[in-house]
C-alpha atoms as a PDB file:
ATOM      1  CA  UNK A   1     117.878  -4.122 242.447  1.00  0.00           C
ATOM      2  CA  UNK A   2     120.260  -3.946 245.419  1.00  0.00           C
ATOM      3  CA  UNK A   3     121.001  -0.953 247.626  1.00  0.00           C
ATOM      4  CA  UNK A   4     124.359  -0.235 246.004  1.00  0.00           C
ATOM      5  CA  UNK A   5     122.718   0.035 242.584  1.00  0.00           C
ATOM      6  CA  UNK A   6     119.979   2.251 244.031  1.00  0.00           C
ATOM      7  CA  UNK A   7     122.513   4.544 245.691  1.00  0.00           C
ATOM      8  CA  UNK A   8     124.480   4.705 242.454  1.00  0.00           C
ATOM      9  CA  UNK A   9     121.353   5.753 240.555  1.00  0.00           C
ATOM     10  CA  UNK A  10     120.471   8.433 243.128  1.00  0.00           C
ATOM     11  CA  UNK A  11     123.969   9.926 243.057  1.00  0.00           C
ATOM     12  CA  UNK A  12     124.238   9.836 239.257  1.00  0.00           C
ATOM     13  CA  UNK A  13     120.889  11.553 238.728  1.00  0.00           C
ATOM     14  CA  UNK A  14     121.155  14.129 241.529  1.00  0.00           C
ATOM     15  CA  UNK A  15     124.693  15.229 240.643  1.00  0.00           C
ATOM     16  CA  UNK A  16     123.696  15.365 236.963  1.00  0.00           C
ATOM     17  CA  UNK A  17     120.840  17.755 237.756  1.00  0.00           C
ATOM     18  CA  UNK A  18     123.121  20.009 239.808  1.00  0.00           C
ATOM     19  CA  UNK A  19     125.624  20.153 236.942  1.00  0.00           C
ATOM     20  CA  UNK A  20     122.879  20.778 234.371  1.00  0.00           C
ATOM     21  CA  UNK A  21     121.005  23.478 236.326  1.00  0.00           C
ATOM     22  CA  UNK A  22     122.962  26.490 234.863  1.00  0.00           C
ATOM     23  CA  UNK A  23     122.132  25.348 231.293  1.00  0.00           C
ATOM     24  CA  UNK A  24     119.320  27.882 230.773  1.00  0.00           C
ATOM     25  CA  UNK A  25     121.456  30.726 232.120  1.00  0.00           C
ATOM     26  CA  UNK A  26     124.405  29.900 229.867  1.00  0.00           C
ATOM     27  CA  UNK A  27     122.146  29.722 226.798  1.00  0.00           C
ATOM     28  CA  UNK A  28     120.795  33.188 227.667  1.00  0.00           C
ATOM     29  CA  UNK A  29     124.338  34.555 228.115  1.00  0.00           C
ATOM     30  CA  UNK A  30     125.401  33.513 224.602  1.00  0.00           C
ATOM     31  CA  UNK A  31     124.825  36.286 222.042  1.00  0.00           C
ATOM     32  CA  UNK A  32     125.447  34.213 218.913  1.00  0.00           C
ATOM     33  CA  UNK A  33     122.408  33.436 216.756  1.00  0.00           C
ATOM     34  CA  UNK A  34     120.415  30.404 217.844  1.00  0.00           C
ATOM     35  CA  UNK A  35     121.552  28.153 214.953  1.00  0.00           C
ATOM     36  CA  UNK A  36     125.241  28.844 215.607  1.00  0.00           C
ATOM     37  CA  UNK A  37     124.650  28.262 219.313  1.00  0.00           C
ATOM     38  CA  UNK A  38     123.025  24.905 218.558  1.00  0.00           C
ATOM     39  CA  UNK A  39     125.847  23.932 216.185  1.00  0.00           C
ATOM     40  CA  UNK A  40     128.558  24.289 218.820  1.00  0.00           C
ATOM     41  CA  UNK A  41     126.396  23.131 221.732  1.00  0.00           C
ATOM     42  CA  UNK A  42     125.567  19.850 220.005  1.00  0.00           C
ATOM     43  CA  UNK A  43     128.919  19.287 218.268  1.00  0.00           C
ATOM     44  CA  UNK A  44     130.954  19.762 221.457  1.00  0.00           C
ATOM     45  CA  UNK A  45     128.542  17.575 223.422  1.00  0.00           C
ATOM     46  CA  UNK A  46     128.796  14.807 220.810  1.00  0.00           C
ATOM     47  CA  UNK A  47     132.611  14.995 220.728  1.00  0.00           C
ATOM     48  CA  UNK A  48     132.999  14.805 224.504  1.00  0.00           C
ATOM     49  CA  UNK A  49     130.514  11.957 224.878  1.00  0.00           C
ATOM     50  CA  UNK A  50     132.243  10.102 222.037  1.00  0.00           C
ATOM     51  CA  UNK A  51     135.554  10.433 223.870  1.00  0.00           C
ATOM     52  CA  UNK A  52     133.920   8.951 226.961  1.00  0.00           C
ATOM     53  CA  UNK A  53     132.574   6.037 224.912  1.00  0.00           C
ATOM     54  CA  UNK A  54     135.973   5.487 223.270  1.00  0.00           C
ATOM     55  CA  UNK A  55     137.621   5.239 226.694  1.00  0.00           C
ATOM     56  CA  UNK A  56     134.838   2.987 227.980  1.00  0.00           C
ATOM     57  CA  UNK A  57     134.556   0.581 225.034  1.00  0.00           C
ATOM     58  CA  UNK A  58     137.923   0.933 223.237  1.00  0.00           C
ATOM     59  CA  UNK A  59     137.840  -1.608 220.379  1.00  0.00           C
ATOM     60  CA  UNK A  60     134.071  -2.019 220.822  1.00  0.00           C
ATOM     61  CA  UNK A  61     133.407   1.703 220.284  1.00  0.00           C
ATOM     62  CA  UNK A  62     131.495   1.300 217.015  1.00  0.00           C
ATOM     63  CA  UNK A  63     129.768  -1.808 218.336  1.00  0.00           C
ATOM     64  CA  UNK A  64     128.269   0.327 221.129  1.00  0.00           C
ATOM     65  CA  UNK A  65     126.422   2.371 218.483  1.00  0.00           C
ATOM     66  CA  UNK A  66     125.178  -0.735 216.697  1.00  0.00           C
ATOM     67  CA  UNK A  67     123.921  -2.153 220.006  1.00  0.00           C
ATOM     68  CA  UNK A  68     121.344   0.625 220.527  1.00  0.00           C
ATOM     69  CA  UNK A  69     119.208  -0.800 217.716  1.00  0.00           C
ATOM     70  CA  UNK A  70     115.904   0.748 216.670  1.00  0.00           C
ATOM     71  CA  UNK A  71     115.180   1.791 220.256  1.00  0.00           C
ATOM     72  CA  UNK A  72     118.302   3.927 220.297  1.00  0.00           C
ATOM     73  CA  UNK A  73     117.467   5.487 216.944  1.00  0.00           C
ATOM     74  CA  UNK A  74     114.094   6.594 218.303  1.00  0.00           C
ATOM     75  CA  UNK A  75     115.888   8.023 221.345  1.00  0.00           C
ATOM     76  CA  UNK A  76     118.293   9.914 219.071  1.00  0.00           C
ATOM     77  CA  UNK A  77     115.361  11.354 217.124  1.00  0.00           C
ATOM     78  CA  UNK A  78     113.726  12.720 220.290  1.00  0.00           C
ATOM     79  CA  UNK A  79     117.051  14.267 221.337  1.00  0.00           C
ATOM     80  CA  UNK A  80     117.493  15.968 217.950  1.00  0.00           C
ATOM     81  CA  UNK A  81     114.014  17.480 217.885  1.00  0.00           C
ATOM     82  CA  UNK A  82     114.043  18.260 221.608  1.00  0.00           C
ATOM     83  CA  UNK A  83     117.359  20.118 221.375  1.00  0.00           C
ATOM     84  CA  UNK A  84     116.133  22.302 218.513  1.00  0.00           C
ATOM     85  CA  UNK A  85     112.929  23.162 220.364  1.00  0.00           C
ATOM     86  CA  UNK A  86     114.507  23.671 223.804  1.00  0.00           C
ATOM     87  CA  UNK A  87     117.175  26.179 222.782  1.00  0.00           C
ATOM     88  CA  UNK A  88     114.749  28.137 220.600  1.00  0.00           C
ATOM     89  CA  UNK A  89     112.288  28.207 223.482  1.00  0.00           C
ATOM     90  CA  UNK A  90     114.875  29.733 225.821  1.00  0.00           C
ATOM     91  CA  UNK A  91     115.493  32.476 223.267  1.00  0.00           C
ATOM     92  CA  UNK A  92     111.782  33.218 222.743  1.00  0.00           C
ATOM     93  CA  UNK A  93     110.310  33.028 226.254  1.00  0.00           C
ATOM     94  CA  UNK A  94     111.477  33.291 229.856  1.00  0.00           C
ATOM     95  CA  UNK A  95     113.696  30.628 231.408  1.00  0.00           C
ATOM     96  CA  UNK A  96     111.053  30.030 234.094  1.00  0.00           C
ATOM     97  CA  UNK A  97     108.338  29.390 231.484  1.00  0.00           C
ATOM     98  CA  UNK A  98     110.531  26.932 229.594  1.00  0.00           C
ATOM     99  CA  UNK A  99     111.714  24.990 232.641  1.00  0.00           C
ATOM    100  CA  UNK A 100     108.308  24.827 234.326  1.00  0.00           C
ATOM    101  CA  UNK A 101     106.692  23.518 231.156  1.00  0.00           C
ATOM    102  CA  UNK A 102     109.550  21.008 230.796  1.00  0.00           C
ATOM    103  CA  UNK A 103     108.901  19.789 234.335  1.00  0.00           C
ATOM    104  CA  UNK A 104     105.691  18.208 232.998  1.00  0.00           C
ATOM    105  CA  UNK A 105     107.779  15.603 231.125  1.00  0.00           C
ATOM    106  CA  UNK A 106     106.838  12.849 233.632  1.00  0.00           C
ATOM    107  CA  UNK A 107     103.114  13.181 232.872  1.00  0.00           C
ATOM    108  CA  UNK A 108     103.885  13.030 229.147  1.00  0.00           C
ATOM    109  CA  UNK A 109     105.924   9.896 229.757  1.00  0.00           C
ATOM    110  CA  UNK A 110     103.008   8.423 231.755  1.00  0.00           C
ATOM    111  CA  UNK A 111     100.652   8.963 228.830  1.00  0.00           C
ATOM    112  CA  UNK A 112     103.126   7.448 226.402  1.00  0.00           C
ATOM    113  CA  UNK A 113     103.810   4.511 228.721  1.00  0.00           C
ATOM    114  CA  UNK A 114     100.081   3.805 228.638  1.00  0.00           C
ATOM    115  CA  UNK A 115      99.888   4.150 224.857  1.00  0.00           C
ATOM    116  CA  UNK A 116     103.111   2.353 223.921  1.00  0.00           C
ATOM    117  CA  UNK A 117     104.035   0.046 226.809  1.00  0.00           C
ATOM    118  CA  UNK A 118     100.418  -0.607 227.853  1.00  0.00           C
ATOM    119  CA  UNK A 119     101.214   0.350 231.443  1.00  0.00           C
ATOM    120  CA  UNK A 120      98.216   1.085 233.655  1.00  0.00           C
ATOM    121  CA  UNK A 121      97.604   4.734 234.569  1.00  0.00           C
ATOM    122  CA  UNK A 122      96.505   5.184 238.194  1.00  0.00           C
ATOM    123  CA  UNK A 123      93.828   7.683 239.148  1.00  0.00           C
ATOM    124  CA  UNK A 124      96.409   9.913 240.847  1.00  0.00           C
ATOM    125  CA  UNK A 125      98.364  10.052 237.571  1.00  0.00           C
ATOM    126  CA  UNK A 126      95.262  10.999 235.595  1.00  0.00           C
ATOM    127  CA  UNK A 127      94.542  13.808 238.076  1.00  0.00           C
ATOM    128  CA  UNK A 128      98.175  14.928 237.887  1.00  0.00           C
ATOM    129  CA  UNK A 129      98.010  15.059 234.096  1.00  0.00           C
ATOM    130  CA  UNK A 130      94.948  17.333 234.211  1.00  0.00           C
ATOM    131  CA  UNK A 131      96.555  19.562 236.866  1.00  0.00           C
ATOM    132  CA  UNK A 132      99.822  19.915 234.952  1.00  0.00           C
ATOM    133  CA  UNK A 133      98.131  20.765 231.686  1.00  0.00           C
ATOM    134  CA  UNK A 134      95.984  23.245 233.602  1.00  0.00           C
ATOM    135  CA  UNK A 135      99.196  24.890 234.819  1.00  0.00           C
ATOM    136  CA  UNK A 136     100.581  24.992 231.286  1.00  0.00           C
ATOM    137  CA  UNK A 137      97.380  26.690 230.089  1.00  0.00           C
ATOM    138  CA  UNK A 138      97.853  29.327 232.809  1.00  0.00           C
ATOM    139  CA  UNK A 139     101.356  30.005 231.470  1.00  0.00           C
ATOM    140  CA  UNK A 140     100.017  30.191 227.914  1.00  0.00           C
ATOM    141  CA  UNK A 141      97.325  32.696 228.942  1.00  0.00           C
ATOM    142  CA  UNK A 142      99.977  35.020 230.363  1.00  0.00           C
ATOM    143  CA  UNK A 143     102.208  34.579 227.327  1.00  0.00           C
ATOM    144  CA  UNK A 144      99.426  35.614 224.964  1.00  0.00           C
ATOM    145  CA  UNK A 145      99.633  39.093 226.511  1.00  0.00           C
ATOM    146  CA  UNK A 146     103.434  39.230 226.526  1.00  0.00           C
ATOM    147  CA  UNK A 147     104.245  37.820 223.073  1.00  0.00           C
ATOM    148  CA  UNK A 148     105.896  34.691 224.479  1.00  0.00           C
ATOM    149  CA  UNK A 149     103.449  32.060 223.237  1.00  0.00           C
ATOM    150  CA  UNK A 150     105.673  30.710 220.437  1.00  0.00           C
ATOM    151  CA  UNK A 151     108.490  30.066 222.899  1.00  0.00           C
ATOM    152  CA  UNK A 152     106.067  28.340 225.274  1.00  0.00           C
ATOM    153  CA  UNK A 153     104.753  26.113 222.485  1.00  0.00           C
ATOM    154  CA  UNK A 154     108.326  25.135 221.627  1.00  0.00           C
ATOM    155  CA  UNK A 155     108.902  24.295 225.295  1.00  0.00           C
ATOM    156  CA  UNK A 156     105.796  22.085 225.198  1.00  0.00           C
ATOM    157  CA  UNK A 157     107.175  20.346 222.104  1.00  0.00           C
ATOM    158  CA  UNK A 158     110.503  19.799 223.873  1.00  0.00           C
ATOM    159  CA  UNK A 159     108.570  18.418 226.852  1.00  0.00           C
ATOM    160  CA  UNK A 160     106.910  15.866 224.579  1.00  0.00           C
ATOM    161  CA  UNK A 161     110.340  14.842 223.275  1.00  0.00           C
ATOM    162  CA  UNK A 162     111.918  14.498 226.741  1.00  0.00           C
ATOM    163  CA  UNK A 163     108.889  12.576 227.990  1.00  0.00           C
ATOM    164  CA  UNK A 164     109.154  10.253 225.006  1.00  0.00           C
ATOM    165  CA  UNK A 165     112.830   9.697 225.657  1.00  0.00           C
ATOM    166  CA  UNK A 166     112.168   8.740 229.284  1.00  0.00           C
ATOM    167  CA  UNK A 167     109.878   5.975 228.046  1.00  0.00           C
ATOM    168  CA  UNK A 168     112.384   4.887 225.413  1.00  0.00           C
ATOM    169  CA  UNK A 169     115.255   4.717 227.909  1.00  0.00           C
ATOM    170  CA  UNK A 170     113.112   2.735 230.354  1.00  0.00           C
ATOM    171  CA  UNK A 171     112.058   0.298 227.597  1.00  0.00           C
ATOM    172  CA  UNK A 172     115.702  -0.292 226.687  1.00  0.00           C
ATOM    173  CA  UNK A 173     117.168  -0.042 230.196  1.00  0.00           C
ATOM    174  CA  UNK A 174     119.599  -2.904 229.572  1.00  0.00           C
ATOM    175  CA  UNK A 175     121.205  -0.953 226.718  1.00  0.00           C
ATOM    176  CA  UNK A 176     123.671   1.899 227.122  1.00  0.00           C
ATOM    177  CA  UNK A 177     121.866   4.792 225.423  1.00  0.00           C
ATOM    178  CA  UNK A 178     124.763   7.260 225.531  1.00  0.00           C
ATOM    179  CA  UNK A 179     125.580   6.452 221.855  1.00  0.00           C
ATOM    180  CA  UNK A 180     121.982   7.435 221.029  1.00  0.00           C
ATOM    181  CA  UNK A 181     122.606  10.786 222.710  1.00  0.00           C
ATOM    182  CA  UNK A 182     125.710  11.249 220.553  1.00  0.00           C
ATOM    183  CA  UNK A 183     123.750  10.484 217.378  1.00  0.00           C
ATOM    184  CA  UNK A 184     120.934  12.811 218.426  1.00  0.00           C
ATOM    185  CA  UNK A 185     123.346  15.702 218.891  1.00  0.00           C
ATOM    186  CA  UNK A 186     125.189  14.989 215.648  1.00  0.00           C
ATOM    187  CA  UNK A 187     121.928  15.007 213.689  1.00  0.00           C
ATOM    188  CA  UNK A 188     121.373  18.613 214.774  1.00  0.00           C
ATOM    189  CA  UNK A 189     124.550  19.737 212.959  1.00  0.00           C
ATOM    190  CA  UNK A 190     123.419  19.460 209.297  1.00  0.00           C
ATOM    191  CA  UNK A 191     119.985  20.843 210.179  1.00  0.00           C
ATOM    192  CA  UNK A 192     121.317  24.067 211.725  1.00  0.00           C
ATOM    193  CA  UNK A 193     123.877  24.492 208.919  1.00  0.00           C
ATOM    194  CA  UNK A 194     121.017  24.414 206.414  1.00  0.00           C
ATOM    195  CA  UNK A 195     119.148  26.943 208.573  1.00  0.00           C
ATOM    196  CA  UNK A 196     122.044  29.410 208.504  1.00  0.00           C
ATOM    197  CA  UNK A 197     124.455  28.591 211.336  1.00  0.00           C
ATOM    198  CA  UNK A 198     127.784  30.449 211.109  1.00  0.00           C
ATOM    199  CA  UNK A 199     130.204  28.377 213.205  1.00  0.00           C
ATOM    200  CA  UNK A 200     133.188  30.658 212.540  1.00  0.00           C
ATOM    201  CA  UNK A 201     131.311  33.800 213.501  1.00  0.00           C
ATOM    202  CA  UNK A 202     131.528  33.464 217.296  1.00  0.00           C
ATOM    203  CA  UNK A 203     132.768  36.169 219.679  1.00  0.00           C
ATOM    204  CA  UNK A 204     135.563  35.159 222.118  1.00  0.00           C
ATOM    205  CA  UNK A 205     133.244  35.605 225.118  1.00  0.00           C
ATOM    206  CA  UNK A 206     130.633  33.338 223.529  1.00  0.00           C
ATOM    207  CA  UNK A 207     133.317  30.777 222.673  1.00  0.00           C
ATOM    208  CA  UNK A 208     134.250  30.440 226.327  1.00  0.00           C
ATOM    209  CA  UNK A 209     130.637  29.913 227.425  1.00  0.00           C
ATOM    210  CA  UNK A 210     130.016  27.445 224.583  1.00  0.00           C
ATOM    211  CA  UNK A 211     133.111  25.464 225.546  1.00  0.00           C
ATOM    212  CA  UNK A 212     131.929  25.267 229.160  1.00  0.00           C
ATOM    213  CA  UNK A 213     128.415  24.312 228.111  1.00  0.00           C
ATOM    214  CA  UNK A 214     129.093  21.863 225.291  1.00  0.00           C
ATOM    215  CA  UNK A 215     132.507  20.654 226.414  1.00  0.00           C
ATOM    216  CA  UNK A 216     131.729  19.929 230.053  1.00  0.00           C
ATOM    217  CA  UNK A 217     128.247  20.604 231.472  1.00  0.00           C
ATOM    218  CA  UNK A 218     126.062  18.931 228.848  1.00  0.00           C
ATOM    219  CA  UNK A 219     128.103  15.795 228.086  1.00  0.00           C
ATOM    220  CA  UNK A 220     128.751  15.029 231.751  1.00  0.00           C
ATOM    221  CA  UNK A 221     125.179  15.676 232.904  1.00  0.00           C
ATOM    222  CA  UNK A 222     123.499  13.952 229.945  1.00  0.00           C
ATOM    223  CA  UNK A 223     125.698  10.875 230.320  1.00  0.00           C
ATOM    224  CA  UNK A 224     124.810  10.642 234.008  1.00  0.00           C
ATOM    225  CA  UNK A 225     121.095  11.246 233.384  1.00  0.00           C
ATOM    226  CA  UNK A 226     121.127   8.552 230.708  1.00  0.00           C
ATOM    227  CA  UNK A 227     122.713   6.054 233.108  1.00  0.00           C
ATOM    228  CA  UNK A 228     120.786   7.013 236.271  1.00  0.00           C
ATOM    229  CA  UNK A 229     117.307   5.712 235.273  1.00  0.00           C
ATOM    230  CA  UNK A 230     118.805   2.253 234.761  1.00  0.00           C
ATOM    231  CA  UNK A 231     119.124   1.957 238.559  1.00  0.00           C
ATOM    232  CA  UNK A 232     116.018   3.861 239.730  1.00  0.00           C
ATOM    233  CA  UNK A 233     112.265   3.624 239.545  1.00  0.00           C
ATOM    234  CA  UNK A 234     110.669   6.212 237.230  1.00  0.00           C
ATOM    235  CA  UNK A 235     109.031   8.200 240.104  1.00  0.00           C
ATOM    236  CA  UNK A 236     112.408   8.657 241.789  1.00  0.00           C
ATOM    237  CA  UNK A 237     113.960   9.948 238.579  1.00  0.00           C
ATOM    238  CA  UNK A 238     111.082  12.368 238.089  1.00  0.00           C
ATOM    239  CA  UNK A 239     111.373  13.758 241.617  1.00  0.00           C
ATOM    240  CA  UNK A 240     115.104  14.417 241.299  1.00  0.00           C
ATOM    241  CA  UNK A 241     114.747  16.024 237.865  1.00  0.00           C
ATOM    242  CA  UNK A 242     112.298  18.558 239.325  1.00  0.00           C
ATOM    243  CA  UNK A 243     115.244  20.192 241.088  1.00  0.00           C
ATOM    244  CA  UNK A 244     116.348  21.732 237.775  1.00  0.00           C
ATOM    245  CA  UNK A 245     112.971  23.451 237.445  1.00  0.00           C
ATOM    246  CA  UNK A 246     113.685  25.273 240.702  1.00  0.00           C
ATOM    247  CA  UNK A 247     117.426  25.867 240.317  1.00  0.00           C
ATOM    248  CA  UNK A 248     117.415  26.961 236.648  1.00  0.00           C
ATOM    249  CA  UNK A 249     115.246  30.101 237.067  1.00  0.00           C
ATOM    250  CA  UNK A 250     117.146  30.983 240.259  1.00  0.00           C
ATOM    251  CA  UNK A 251     120.448  31.093 238.342  1.00  0.00           C
ATOM    252  CA  UNK A 252     118.845  33.297 235.655  1.00  0.00           C
ATOM    253  CA  UNK A 253     117.296  35.598 238.284  1.00  0.00           C
ATOM    254  CA  UNK A 254     120.608  35.977 240.145  1.00  0.00           C
ATOM    255  CA  UNK A 255     122.640  36.691 236.993  1.00  0.00           C
ATOM    256  CA  UNK A 256     120.182  38.560 234.755  1.00  0.00           C
ATOM    257  CA  UNK A 257     117.504  39.800 237.139  1.00  0.00           C
ATOM    258  CA  UNK A 258     114.758  38.023 235.147  1.00  0.00           C
ATOM    259  CA  UNK A 259     111.719  37.783 237.426  1.00  0.00           C
ATOM    260  CA  UNK A 260     109.031  35.270 236.410  1.00  0.00           C
ATOM    261  CA  UNK A 261     105.545  36.590 235.616  1.00  0.00           C
ATOM    262  CA  UNK A 262     102.971  36.142 238.400  1.00  0.00           C
ATOM    263  CA  UNK A 263     101.005  33.643 236.294  1.00  0.00           C
ATOM    264  CA  UNK A 264     104.190  31.640 235.760  1.00  0.00           C
ATOM    265  CA  UNK A 265     104.727  31.499 239.524  1.00  0.00           C
ATOM    266  CA  UNK A 266     101.147  30.336 240.094  1.00  0.00           C
ATOM    267  CA  UNK A 267     101.438  27.716 237.352  1.00  0.00           C
ATOM    268  CA  UNK A 268     104.833  26.643 238.684  1.00  0.00           C
ATOM    269  CA  UNK A 269     103.463  26.094 242.184  1.00  0.00           C
ATOM    270  CA  UNK A 270     100.545  24.109 240.730  1.00  0.00           C
ATOM    271  CA  UNK A 271     102.692  21.910 238.495  1.00  0.00           C
ATOM    272  CA  UNK A 272     105.566  21.358 240.924  1.00  0.00           C
ATOM    273  CA  UNK A 273     103.216  20.778 243.858  1.00  0.00           C
ATOM    274  CA  UNK A 274     101.214  18.263 241.834  1.00  0.00           C
ATOM    275  CA  UNK A 275     104.298  16.396 240.650  1.00  0.00           C
ATOM    276  CA  UNK A 276     105.880  16.275 244.105  1.00  0.00           C
ATOM    277  CA  UNK A 277     102.698  14.904 245.713  1.00  0.00           C
ATOM    278  CA  UNK A 278     102.208  12.424 242.875  1.00  0.00           C
ATOM    279  CA  UNK A 279     105.811  11.239 243.052  1.00  0.00           C
ATOM    280  CA  UNK A 280     105.769  10.798 246.832  1.00  0.00           C
ATOM    281  CA  UNK A 281     102.533   8.798 246.601  1.00  0.00           C
ATOM    282  CA  UNK A 282     104.067   6.642 243.863  1.00  0.00           C
ATOM    283  CA  UNK A 283     107.187   5.999 245.945  1.00  0.00           C
ATOM    284  CA  UNK A 284     105.082   4.898 248.932  1.00  0.00           C
ATOM    285  CA  UNK A 285     103.506   2.171 246.804  1.00  0.00           C
ATOM    286  CA  UNK A 286     106.763   0.796 245.449  1.00  0.00           C
ATOM    287  CA  UNK A 287     107.765  -2.645 246.768  1.00  0.00           C
ATOM    288  CA  UNK A 288     110.616  -2.672 249.270  1.00  0.00           C
ATOM    289  CA  UNK A 289     113.979  -3.368 247.745  1.00  0.00           C
END
């Protein structure tokens, strides 16, 4: 990997996280029911990413979907399930709880890399896994008192899906997985329609936020996040993605005045501190490019 590729990966991933950081806030600002929200969020994202693929591949547009193979289908499945769980989590618990739990995706991906790719888990990773799950248990203990446990469990499920997708993308890093993202979003559509989505019952204010979210923020950021890991080592990707965990709750606090529970703050410091230390130690042991 040369320096130009590395710089490209850093820029793609960092800018993607900055663009994506208001996602939790925008979901909270939308008053439509969760199934209608998911319908438009995923449909608009799929349409915009499909337009990008059509411009990129032209006559080979459909071939780009065929090229993802079974690996891409597994990626699409994690995106479908993860999207359903993530949005429901944001509606059922605090944004800080959801995003802090999601920040544990790298440790999930480490476990799965060991199970699926047979990659060795270092001692520091094992310790990080225990610390992160300890932080999640702290969040759960606070949520038991505040009626937020279901939302936290959905966030943990979404974390498992995102962690799985990191491993899948890394295993198929020579394949453009943006078509898998399109398929994953499209698969949400029939599910939410069966669950009662009412696409035509959207207030004008919600329509504007949905258009911003699904028509611009999500397709642009997801496309860049899908491409970024192809040029970076996994620890670098993990470190950059942690920025959303910090920025997301700040946007919600500034706009809605939602202050995280004290246990969430303690758990957040434990999880983020652990992941930052682990990532920096991992980067120090990477071979020079």
